[in-house]
Amino acid sequence: MNGWVESGAAVRIDVLVVGAGPTGLTAAIECLRQGLSVRVVDRREQRAEGSKALVVHARTMEAFRAMEVAEEIRSIGLPFAALNVFPDARPPAIRVPLDREADWGDTEFPYWLSAPQVEVERCLERRLGSLGGEVEWAQGLLDMHQDDSGVHAQLAGGECDARWLVGCDGGRSTLREQLGIRMERRDDGQLFVLADVLTRDEFPDDEGRVYRSRKGLTLIVPMPEPRRFRLIAHLPRLVDPPLIDASFVDQLVLDRTGVALGAHSVGWTSHVFLSHGQSQKMRRGRAFLAGDAAHLHSPVGGQGLNAGVQDAHDLIWKIAAAERGAPGWLESYEAERSVLAGRLVRAVTLATRVMTLQRLVPWALTARVARIALSTGPLQRQLTRRMGMLEQKLPPGPGVDKTPWAGRRLPNPFVGEQRMHDRIDPLRPSIVELPEGGVVVVRPDRVVVGRYPSATAIPPRIQSLLVEP
C-alpha cells in the first residue's frame, strides 16, 4: 500500500494530533469539546519529568478557562507579585509590580503564573481523560500522505486515516519535514543554562529578579515550591555546556550580582543554544503545524508554551467549523497565526539581543535608558498586558473584518454579575450584544470579527461565515 508498513488496520478519525505537549493536548481537548473524534500520539515512551517552560500568561489562562481547566492550572501555579530589574546588575532594583497593583485592565487573570510545564501537561492530560481521550505513547509518525478527502498516516504501531492532521511535534518536527516545509531558522550560537534550585537567601518567594551584567544575563524566576527558583543564565564565553550543580549556580550568581544565593537541592537542569525562526508555511492541504513546529524563539519572556496553546485553541474550532459546513474560517488560520508568530519571533529576538549586550558603550547606554523607562507606566504596561498577550491585533482577512475593534481581543469587564466573555459561545462564532448598544461578532478564541450597529448590519460576507447547517 504505497510503501506503507502494515502492522494493523487503519483507523478512520476526524483529527490526528502528533505530539502530546501543551500544544498537542490543547488540540486534542478542543477536538473532543467540539465533538470531533481524535487520536493524540507521541513518539516518546512516556511524559518527560523535567519542568521545562515555566510561565503561563493571561491570554493562555483565558483559553484554559474556555477549556474548563484554568482553575486546576491556577491551583498548581504561583502568581508573580513583581519583577525586580537590575539594568546594570547593581542595586537599587526597579520593582515592576505584576499583581493587582499593576495596570492589567479587564482580564480575569491579572498575573504571570509560574507553573512548570510538566504540571500543566498533567492538568491537561487529566482534562483530556475526563472527556474520554488518552495519549498514545511510543506512537511516532513515520510517514504520511494526503489527498482531497483526508490524510493517511503510518505510525510506529499501525496506520491511521484522518480527515485532518495537526503537527505539534516540536522544533524538529517530523511532520514539517515530511510536508517539505522549511523552517527559516537562525542559530545565534549563544549558550543559556537553566536550573531549578532551592535557595537560602531571603528574597520573596513570589518575586523574580533580572540582572543585566556584562558577564551575562541572569534571571532568577520564582517557582511554586517554596524557596525554589529557576535560574536562567546566559554564558557568552562558553561553547560547551558546564556541569550545573549547586556550587556552579552559587558562584555564577555571586560573580554577576554579589548575591549569596545559597543554592542547594538542584532539580531539573538543561542548556540551550539559542535559535529563532519561523516555518515558511503553517498549512499544507489537510495538514497543519502549531507551536514549536511552526515557530521558535528564546526562553526570555516565557512565550513559547503560550503561543503553542493559542495556536491549537484557534485551529481546532476552525477545523470544527469546516466539518460543520463553514470552511471559510479555516482559511484564516495560517494567515493570522503566521503574522502573530512573526511578530513574536522578532520581538523576543530583539529583546534577547538587547538584554545580552556586552560591549561597554551600548550596554551602559541601554542600562541608563532602562532605569528611566522601567520606572514609567507605559513600559510597565508592556510587561503586563502586552507580555500577557492581551494586546494582540490580527490583520483584516478571511476571519477579521475592517471595523473598529476587529482583530482585537474582546474586552472582558464585568457586566452586572458576569464578565463579557461569559456571553461568548465557547465552541463557535457568535453575535454578542454590547451594553452600550450595537453588536460584535466574536470567535471562540475571543477575537472580535467586527463591531456593527445591529445584527442586521452585519455584512453578507460575515453572515455567510455564521451560517452552519
Protein backbone atom coordinates (compact mmCIF):
# COMPACT_ATOMS: atom_id res chain seq x y z
CA MET A 1 0.00 0.00 0.00
CA ASN A 2 2.20 2.81 -1.36
CA GLY A 3 5.17 1.53 0.66
CA TRP A 4 3.33 1.53 3.99
CA VAL A 5 4.36 -0.96 6.64
CA GLU A 6 1.17 -2.77 7.54
CA SER A 7 1.03 -3.52 11.27
CA GLY A 8 -2.68 -3.16 11.88
CA ALA A 9 -5.83 -1.97 10.18
CA ALA A 10 -6.07 1.76 9.56
CA VAL A 11 -8.46 3.60 11.86
CA ARG A 12 -10.56 6.48 10.45
CA ILE A 13 -10.95 9.53 12.68
CA ASP A 14 -11.58 13.26 12.30
CA VAL A 15 -8.25 14.58 13.59
CA LEU A 16 -4.84 13.03 14.24
CA VAL A 17 -2.69 15.12 16.61
CA VAL A 18 1.04 14.41 16.58
CA GLY A 19 2.78 15.45 19.80
CA ALA A 20 1.45 15.40 23.38
CA GLY A 21 2.98 18.55 24.85
CA PRO A 22 0.80 21.51 25.86
CA THR A 23 0.02 22.35 22.22
CA GLY A 24 -1.00 18.83 21.26
CA LEU A 25 -3.01 18.26 24.44
CA THR A 26 -4.86 21.52 23.87
CA ALA A 27 -5.66 20.45 20.31
CA ALA A 28 -6.95 17.05 21.46
CA ILE A 29 -9.09 18.54 24.25
CA GLU A 30 -10.61 21.05 21.86
CA CYS A 31 -11.40 18.30 19.33
CA LEU A 32 -13.41 16.38 21.92
CA ARG A 33 -15.16 19.54 23.13
CA GLN A 34 -16.13 20.23 19.52
CA GLY A 35 -17.47 16.70 19.03
CA LEU A 36 -14.64 15.58 16.76
CA SER A 37 -13.04 12.16 17.06
CA VAL A 38 -9.30 12.42 17.74
CA ARG A 39 -6.13 10.49 18.42
CA VAL A 40 -3.14 12.16 20.05
CA VAL A 41 0.12 10.29 19.59
CA ASP A 42 3.69 10.90 20.74
CA ARG A 43 6.97 9.22 19.79
CA ARG A 44 8.23 9.32 23.41
CA GLU A 45 7.78 6.33 25.69
CA GLN A 46 6.26 8.49 28.42
CA ARG A 47 5.93 12.08 29.57
CA ALA A 48 9.23 13.75 30.45
CA GLU A 49 9.58 14.75 34.10
CA GLY A 50 11.57 17.98 33.60
CA SER A 51 9.79 21.25 34.40
CA LYS A 52 10.83 22.96 31.09
CA ALA A 53 8.69 26.02 30.29
CA LEU A 54 7.52 27.91 33.34
CA VAL A 55 5.28 30.92 32.68
CA VAL A 56 1.59 30.86 31.73
CA HIS A 57 0.27 34.23 30.57
CA ALA A 58 -3.17 35.82 30.90
CA ARG A 59 -4.38 35.18 27.33
CA THR A 60 -3.50 31.50 27.70
CA MET A 61 -5.38 31.32 31.01
CA GLU A 62 -8.41 32.71 29.19
CA ALA A 63 -8.13 29.84 26.70
CA PHE A 64 -7.75 27.38 29.59
CA ARG A 65 -10.89 28.84 31.15
CA ALA A 66 -12.84 28.08 27.98
CA MET A 67 -11.40 24.55 28.16
CA GLU A 68 -12.57 24.28 31.81
CA VAL A 69 -9.08 23.67 33.14
CA ALA A 70 -7.96 27.15 34.28
CA GLU A 71 -8.90 26.63 37.93
CA GLU A 72 -6.80 23.47 38.21
CA ILE A 73 -3.81 25.06 36.49
CA ARG A 74 -4.07 28.11 38.75
CA SER A 75 -4.01 25.77 41.76
CA ILE A 76 -0.66 24.25 40.80
CA GLY A 77 0.95 27.62 39.99
CA LEU A 78 2.26 30.71 41.76
CA PRO A 79 1.39 34.22 40.51
CA PHE A 80 4.35 36.59 40.27
CA ALA A 81 3.98 39.53 42.64
CA ALA A 82 6.72 41.55 40.94
CA LEU A 83 9.78 41.56 38.72
CA ASN A 84 12.88 43.28 40.14
CA VAL A 85 15.11 44.53 37.34
CA PHE A 86 18.78 45.45 37.82
CA PRO A 87 19.65 47.04 34.42
CA ASP A 88 23.38 47.21 35.28
CA ALA A 89 23.40 44.30 37.75
CA ARG A 90 23.72 46.74 40.67
CA PRO A 91 21.16 47.88 43.23
CA PRO A 92 18.79 49.50 43.60
CA ALA A 93 16.39 47.38 41.61
CA ILE A 94 13.44 48.75 39.68
CA ARG A 95 10.45 46.89 41.12
CA VAL A 96 7.79 46.28 38.47
CA PRO A 97 4.55 45.04 40.06
CA LEU A 98 2.88 42.16 38.23
CA ASP A 99 -0.03 41.50 40.57
CA ARG A 100 -3.21 43.52 41.05
CA GLU A 101 -1.14 46.64 41.76
CA ALA A 102 -0.26 46.66 38.07
CA ASP A 103 -2.32 48.00 35.17
CA TRP A 104 -3.84 44.75 33.93
CA GLY A 105 -7.14 46.23 32.82
CA ASP A 106 -10.08 43.90 32.25
CA THR A 107 -8.57 40.41 32.39
CA GLU A 108 -9.79 37.81 34.87
CA PHE A 109 -6.17 36.60 35.23
CA PRO A 110 -4.06 39.64 36.22
CA TYR A 111 -0.70 37.92 36.69
CA TRP A 112 2.14 35.93 35.23
CA LEU A 113 1.61 32.41 36.54
CA SER A 114 4.68 30.36 37.40
CA ALA A 115 3.61 26.80 36.58
CA PRO A 116 6.10 24.12 35.44
CA GLN A 117 5.24 22.75 32.01
CA VAL A 118 5.17 19.16 33.24
CA GLU A 119 2.47 20.07 35.79
CA VAL A 120 0.48 21.98 33.16
CA GLU A 121 0.67 18.92 30.92
CA ARG A 122 -0.61 16.69 33.71
CA CYS A 123 -3.57 19.01 34.23
CA LEU A 124 -4.32 18.97 30.50
CA GLU A 125 -3.95 15.19 30.31
CA ARG A 126 -6.43 14.77 33.16
CA ARG A 127 -8.85 17.08 31.34
CA LEU A 128 -8.36 15.02 28.18
CA GLY A 129 -9.13 11.86 30.16
CA SER A 130 -12.30 13.39 31.61
CA LEU A 131 -13.53 13.83 28.02
CA GLY A 132 -12.74 10.23 27.13
CA GLY A 133 -9.39 10.77 25.42
CA GLU A 134 -5.91 9.46 26.12
CA VAL A 135 -2.35 9.91 24.90
CA GLU A 136 -0.88 7.06 22.87
CA TRP A 137 2.81 6.92 23.77
CA ALA A 138 5.55 5.32 21.61
CA GLN A 139 3.46 6.11 18.52
CA GLY A 140 5.73 8.29 16.45
CA LEU A 141 4.72 9.49 12.99
CA LEU A 142 6.77 7.57 10.40
CA ASP A 143 5.23 8.70 7.13
CA MET A 144 2.12 10.30 5.70
CA HIS A 145 0.38 11.28 2.52
CA GLN A 146 -2.84 13.13 1.82
CA ASP A 147 -5.47 13.77 -0.81
CA ASP A 148 -8.60 15.90 -1.01
CA SER A 149 -10.54 13.63 1.37
CA GLY A 150 -8.03 13.19 4.16
CA VAL A 151 -4.63 12.08 5.44
CA HIS A 152 -3.15 8.61 5.69
CA ALA A 153 -0.51 8.29 8.40
CA GLN A 154 1.88 5.48 9.17
CA LEU A 155 2.53 5.37 12.90
CA ALA A 156 5.00 3.23 14.80
CA GLY A 157 2.18 0.92 15.88
CA GLY A 158 -0.07 0.92 12.83
CA GLU A 159 -1.89 3.07 10.32
CA CYS A 160 -4.38 5.87 10.81
CA ASP A 161 -6.72 7.60 8.37
CA ALA A 162 -7.85 11.06 9.43
CA ARG A 163 -9.71 13.96 7.91
CA TRP A 164 -7.09 16.36 9.30
CA LEU A 165 -3.57 16.16 10.72
CA VAL A 166 -2.14 18.60 13.28
CA GLY A 167 1.62 18.63 13.90
CA CYS A 168 2.51 19.69 17.45
CA ASP A 169 5.79 17.74 17.48
CA GLY A 170 8.26 20.46 18.38
CA GLY A 171 11.13 22.39 16.85
CA ARG A 172 12.46 19.37 14.97
CA SER A 173 9.04 18.41 13.70
CA THR A 174 8.79 15.15 11.74
CA LEU A 175 5.57 16.32 10.12
CA ARG A 176 7.10 19.62 8.99
CA GLU A 177 9.92 17.68 7.35
CA GLN A 178 7.53 15.26 5.64
CA LEU A 179 5.44 18.15 4.33
CA GLY A 180 8.56 19.69 2.82
CA ILE A 181 8.09 22.93 4.75
CA ARG A 182 11.33 24.72 5.57
CA MET A 183 11.95 26.36 8.93
CA GLU A 184 13.61 29.76 8.39
CA ARG A 185 15.86 29.21 11.37
CA ARG A 186 18.84 31.18 12.62
CA ASP A 187 21.21 29.76 15.21
CA ASP A 188 22.63 32.53 17.38
CA GLY A 189 25.27 30.30 18.99
CA GLN A 190 24.54 31.78 22.42
CA LEU A 191 24.51 29.32 25.29
CA PHE A 192 21.94 29.56 28.07
CA VAL A 193 21.76 27.24 31.08
CA LEU A 194 18.65 26.57 33.15
CA ALA A 195 18.44 25.08 36.65
CA ASP A 196 15.69 24.69 39.26
CA VAL A 197 17.32 25.21 42.67
CA LEU A 198 16.35 25.67 46.29
CA THR A 199 17.88 28.78 47.87
CA ARG A 200 18.70 30.13 51.32
CA ASP A 201 18.63 33.84 50.54
CA GLU A 202 15.78 35.99 51.89
CA PHE A 203 14.29 37.24 48.63
CA PRO A 204 10.45 36.96 48.45
CA ASP A 205 9.22 33.62 47.15
CA ASP A 206 6.88 35.21 44.61
CA GLU A 207 9.15 37.82 43.02
CA GLY A 208 11.55 37.45 40.10
CA ARG A 209 14.93 39.06 39.52
CA VAL A 210 16.66 40.14 36.31
CA TYR A 211 20.36 41.03 36.44
CA ARG A 212 21.79 42.52 33.26
CA SER A 213 25.56 42.16 33.63
CA ARG A 214 28.29 42.39 31.00
CA LYS A 215 29.26 38.93 32.21
CA GLY A 216 25.89 37.67 31.00
CA LEU A 217 22.17 38.00 31.56
CA THR A 218 20.88 36.27 34.71
CA LEU A 219 17.22 35.67 35.54
CA ILE A 220 16.00 34.17 38.82
CA VAL A 221 12.36 33.20 38.47
CA PRO A 222 10.02 32.07 41.28
CA MET A 223 8.57 28.57 41.22
CA PRO A 224 5.53 27.22 43.10
CA GLU A 225 7.61 25.20 45.59
CA PRO A 226 8.67 27.47 48.49
CA ARG A 227 12.25 28.75 48.15
CA ARG A 228 12.74 27.10 44.76
CA PHE A 229 13.70 29.33 41.85
CA ARG A 230 14.53 28.84 38.18
CA LEU A 231 17.94 30.16 37.17
CA ILE A 232 18.24 31.20 33.51
CA ALA A 233 21.76 32.36 32.70
CA HIS A 234 23.49 33.46 29.52
CA LEU A 235 27.06 32.14 29.25
CA PRO A 236 28.54 34.28 26.48
CA ARG A 237 32.10 32.94 26.59
CA LEU A 238 31.39 29.23 26.73
CA VAL A 239 30.84 26.90 23.81
CA ASP A 240 30.45 23.70 25.82
CA PRO A 241 27.72 23.29 28.46
CA PRO A 242 29.18 23.20 32.00
CA LEU A 243 28.31 20.84 34.83
CA ILE A 244 25.34 22.52 36.53
CA ASP A 245 25.43 21.91 40.28
CA ALA A 246 24.87 24.00 43.41
CA SER A 247 28.43 25.33 43.54
CA PHE A 248 28.28 26.39 39.88
CA VAL A 249 24.98 28.22 40.44
CA ASP A 250 26.21 29.93 43.62
CA GLN A 251 29.47 31.10 42.07
CA LEU A 252 27.81 32.35 38.87
CA VAL A 253 25.20 34.39 40.77
CA LEU A 254 27.77 35.76 43.23
CA ASP A 255 30.17 36.83 40.46
CA ARG A 256 27.45 38.62 38.50
CA THR A 257 25.23 40.07 41.22
CA GLY A 258 27.07 39.98 44.54
CA VAL A 259 24.18 37.92 45.96
CA ALA A 260 24.91 34.83 48.08
CA LEU A 261 22.09 32.64 46.80
CA GLY A 262 22.74 29.60 48.99
CA ALA A 263 21.75 27.18 46.24
CA HIS A 264 21.11 23.53 47.11
CA SER A 265 18.95 20.61 46.00
CA VAL A 266 19.40 21.26 42.28
CA GLY A 267 16.50 19.70 40.40
CA TRP A 268 15.86 19.85 36.66
CA THR A 269 18.69 21.34 34.60
CA SER A 270 19.12 21.99 30.92
CA HIS A 271 21.05 24.05 28.41
CA VAL A 272 20.05 25.59 25.11
CA PHE A 273 21.92 27.15 22.23
CA LEU A 274 19.64 29.95 21.15
CA SER A 275 17.94 29.78 17.81
CA HIS A 276 14.91 31.53 16.43
CA GLY A 277 12.82 31.15 13.34
CA GLN A 278 9.51 30.54 11.68
CA SER A 279 8.27 27.92 9.26
CA GLN A 280 7.59 29.12 5.73
CA LYS A 281 4.03 27.79 5.99
CA MET A 282 1.74 26.57 8.75
CA ARG A 283 -0.53 24.58 6.48
CA ARG A 284 -0.24 22.25 3.53
CA GLY A 285 -3.54 20.79 2.38
CA ARG A 286 -5.16 19.00 5.30
CA ALA A 287 -2.06 19.12 7.50
CA PHE A 288 -1.25 21.97 9.91
CA LEU A 289 1.65 23.00 12.10
CA ALA A 290 1.28 24.53 15.56
CA GLY A 291 3.55 25.58 18.41
CA ASP A 292 7.30 24.99 18.19
CA ALA A 293 6.79 23.06 14.97
CA ALA A 294 5.94 26.43 13.39
CA HIS A 295 7.97 29.00 15.36
CA LEU A 296 10.97 29.07 17.70
CA HIS A 297 12.40 31.76 20.00
CA SER A 298 14.49 32.22 23.12
CA PRO A 299 13.19 31.46 26.65
CA VAL A 300 13.28 35.18 27.53
CA GLY A 301 9.70 36.28 28.26
CA GLY A 302 8.26 32.78 28.51
CA GLN A 303 6.21 32.99 25.31
CA GLY A 304 6.68 29.57 23.69
CA LEU A 305 4.20 27.41 25.61
CA ASN A 306 1.64 30.21 25.44
CA ALA A 307 1.91 30.74 21.69
CA GLY A 308 1.55 27.00 21.07
CA VAL A 309 -1.56 26.62 23.22
CA GLN A 310 -3.15 29.59 21.47
CA ASP A 311 -2.28 28.18 18.03
CA ALA A 312 -4.09 24.94 18.89
CA HIS A 313 -7.05 26.64 20.55
CA ASP A 314 -7.53 28.78 17.43
CA LEU A 315 -7.06 25.97 14.91
CA ILE A 316 -9.46 23.37 16.25
CA TRP A 317 -12.61 25.48 16.34
CA LYS A 318 -11.88 26.39 12.72
CA ILE A 319 -11.50 22.73 11.75
CA ALA A 320 -14.79 22.01 13.54
CA ALA A 321 -16.48 24.85 11.66
CA ALA A 322 -15.23 23.38 8.38
CA GLU A 323 -16.62 19.99 9.35
CA ARG A 324 -19.98 21.64 10.08
CA GLY A 325 -20.06 23.26 6.64
CA ALA A 326 -18.42 26.66 7.25
CA PRO A 327 -14.92 26.22 5.74
CA GLY A 328 -14.22 29.94 5.38
CA TRP A 329 -12.84 30.26 8.90
CA LEU A 330 -10.15 27.67 8.28
CA GLU A 331 -8.61 29.81 5.56
CA SER A 332 -7.69 32.33 8.24
CA TYR A 333 -5.53 30.03 10.41
CA GLU A 334 -2.25 30.37 8.54
CA ALA A 335 -2.87 33.99 7.56
CA GLU A 336 -3.41 35.03 11.17
CA ARG A 337 -1.11 32.78 13.17
CA SER A 338 1.87 33.28 10.87
CA VAL A 339 1.56 37.06 11.35
CA LEU A 340 1.42 36.68 15.14
CA ALA A 341 4.31 34.20 15.09
CA GLY A 342 6.45 36.53 13.01
CA ARG A 343 5.80 39.44 15.36
CA LEU A 344 6.57 37.26 18.38
CA VAL A 345 9.82 35.87 16.98
CA ARG A 346 11.04 39.36 16.04
CA ALA A 347 10.09 40.88 19.40
CA VAL A 348 11.64 38.13 21.52
CA THR A 349 14.78 38.08 19.36
CA LEU A 350 15.23 41.84 19.72
CA ALA A 351 14.60 41.75 23.47
CA THR A 352 17.11 38.93 23.89
CA ARG A 353 19.77 40.80 21.93
CA VAL A 354 19.29 43.96 23.97
CA MET A 355 19.35 42.01 27.24
CA THR A 356 22.56 40.19 26.28
CA LEU A 357 24.62 43.16 25.04
CA GLN A 358 28.24 43.04 26.22
CA ARG A 359 30.10 45.90 24.52
CA LEU A 360 30.59 48.62 27.13
CA VAL A 361 29.06 51.67 25.42
CA PRO A 362 25.83 50.02 24.10
CA TRP A 363 25.44 48.11 27.37
CA ALA A 364 25.86 51.25 29.51
CA LEU A 365 23.55 53.36 27.36
CA THR A 366 20.75 50.79 27.35
CA ALA A 367 21.18 50.28 31.10
CA ARG A 368 20.69 54.01 31.71
CA VAL A 369 17.66 54.15 29.42
CA ALA A 370 16.17 51.06 31.08
CA ARG A 371 16.44 52.62 34.55
CA ILE A 372 14.39 55.58 33.39
CA ALA A 373 11.91 53.79 31.16
CA LEU A 374 11.11 50.91 33.52
CA SER A 375 10.05 53.40 36.18
CA THR A 376 7.23 54.68 33.96
CA GLY A 377 3.71 53.36 33.50
CA PRO A 378 3.80 52.81 29.71
CA LEU A 379 6.76 50.41 29.78
CA GLN A 380 5.50 48.63 32.87
CA ARG A 381 2.26 48.10 30.97
CA GLN A 382 4.34 46.29 28.32
CA LEU A 383 5.21 43.72 31.00
CA THR A 384 1.58 43.16 31.94
CA ARG A 385 -0.97 43.40 29.14
CA ARG A 386 1.40 43.14 26.18
CA MET A 387 3.57 40.37 27.63
CA GLY A 388 0.35 38.68 28.73
CA MET A 389 -0.69 38.63 25.04
CA LEU A 390 -3.80 40.72 25.72
CA GLU A 391 -2.94 43.42 23.17
CA GLN A 392 -2.53 41.27 20.06
CA LYS A 393 -4.21 42.57 16.92
CA LEU A 394 -4.92 40.43 13.88
CA PRO A 395 -4.88 41.95 10.39
CA PRO A 396 -8.06 42.08 8.28
CA GLY A 397 -8.54 38.89 6.33
CA PRO A 398 -10.76 35.83 5.95
CA GLY A 399 -11.68 35.80 9.64
CA VAL A 400 -11.47 39.51 10.53
CA ASP A 401 -13.45 42.48 9.17
CA LYS A 402 -12.23 46.11 8.95
CA THR A 403 -14.48 47.68 11.58
CA PRO A 404 -13.49 49.20 14.95
CA TRP A 405 -12.34 46.53 17.43
CA ALA A 406 -11.88 44.00 14.61
CA GLY A 407 -8.93 41.69 15.15
CA ARG A 408 -8.61 42.53 18.84
CA ARG A 409 -9.49 40.52 21.90
CA LEU A 410 -13.00 41.28 23.17
CA PRO A 411 -12.66 43.28 26.42
CA ASN A 412 -13.73 41.34 29.49
CA PRO A 413 -15.13 43.76 32.07
CA PHE A 414 -17.91 42.85 34.44
CA VAL A 415 -21.37 43.46 33.02
CA GLY A 416 -23.63 43.08 36.03
CA GLU A 417 -22.56 39.92 37.83
CA GLN A 418 -20.98 38.32 34.75
CA ARG A 419 -17.97 39.12 32.64
CA MET A 420 -18.30 39.91 28.96
CA HIS A 421 -16.55 36.66 27.97
CA ASP A 422 -19.35 34.70 29.66
CA ARG A 423 -21.59 35.83 26.78
CA ILE A 424 -19.41 34.17 24.16
CA ASP A 425 -20.28 30.78 22.69
CA PRO A 426 -17.20 28.70 23.67
CA LEU A 427 -17.44 26.46 20.60
CA ARG A 428 -18.41 28.60 17.62
CA PRO A 429 -18.59 32.24 16.50
CA SER A 430 -21.48 34.16 17.99
CA ILE A 431 -23.19 37.54 17.98
CA VAL A 432 -22.91 39.38 21.31
CA GLU A 433 -24.90 42.47 22.26
CA LEU A 434 -22.85 45.29 23.81
CA PRO A 435 -24.07 47.13 26.94
CA GLU A 436 -23.57 50.47 25.20
CA GLY A 437 -25.52 49.36 22.12
CA GLY A 438 -24.60 47.57 18.92
CA VAL A 439 -23.25 44.07 18.50
CA VAL A 440 -19.96 42.30 17.92
CA VAL A 441 -19.30 39.05 16.12
CA VAL A 442 -16.90 37.16 18.37
CA ARG A 443 -14.98 33.97 17.76
CA PRO A 444 -14.37 31.23 20.37
CA ASP A 445 -10.77 32.49 20.71
CA ARG A 446 -12.29 35.81 21.91
CA VAL A 447 -11.21 37.70 18.81
CA VAL A 448 -13.67 40.29 17.54
CA VAL A 449 -14.54 39.68 13.88
CA GLY A 450 -16.28 43.06 13.66
CA ARG A 451 -18.39 45.59 15.53
CA TYR A 452 -21.71 46.70 14.00
CA PRO A 453 -24.69 48.95 14.85
CA SER A 454 -27.04 45.95 14.89
CA ALA A 455 -27.25 42.30 13.86
CA THR A 456 -28.92 43.30 10.61
CA ALA A 457 -25.92 45.50 9.75
CA ILE A 458 -23.51 42.54 9.71
CA PRO A 459 -22.26 42.35 6.10
CA PRO A 460 -23.12 39.33 3.94
CA ARG A 461 -19.52 38.04 3.90
CA ILE A 462 -19.50 37.75 7.69
CA GLN A 463 -23.10 36.49 7.82
CA SER A 464 -22.12 33.66 5.48
CA LEU A 465 -19.45 32.53 7.93
CA LEU A 466 -22.02 32.34 10.73
CA VAL A 467 -24.40 30.06 8.85
CA GLU A 468 -23.87 26.41 9.69
CA PRO A 469 -26.17 23.54 8.73
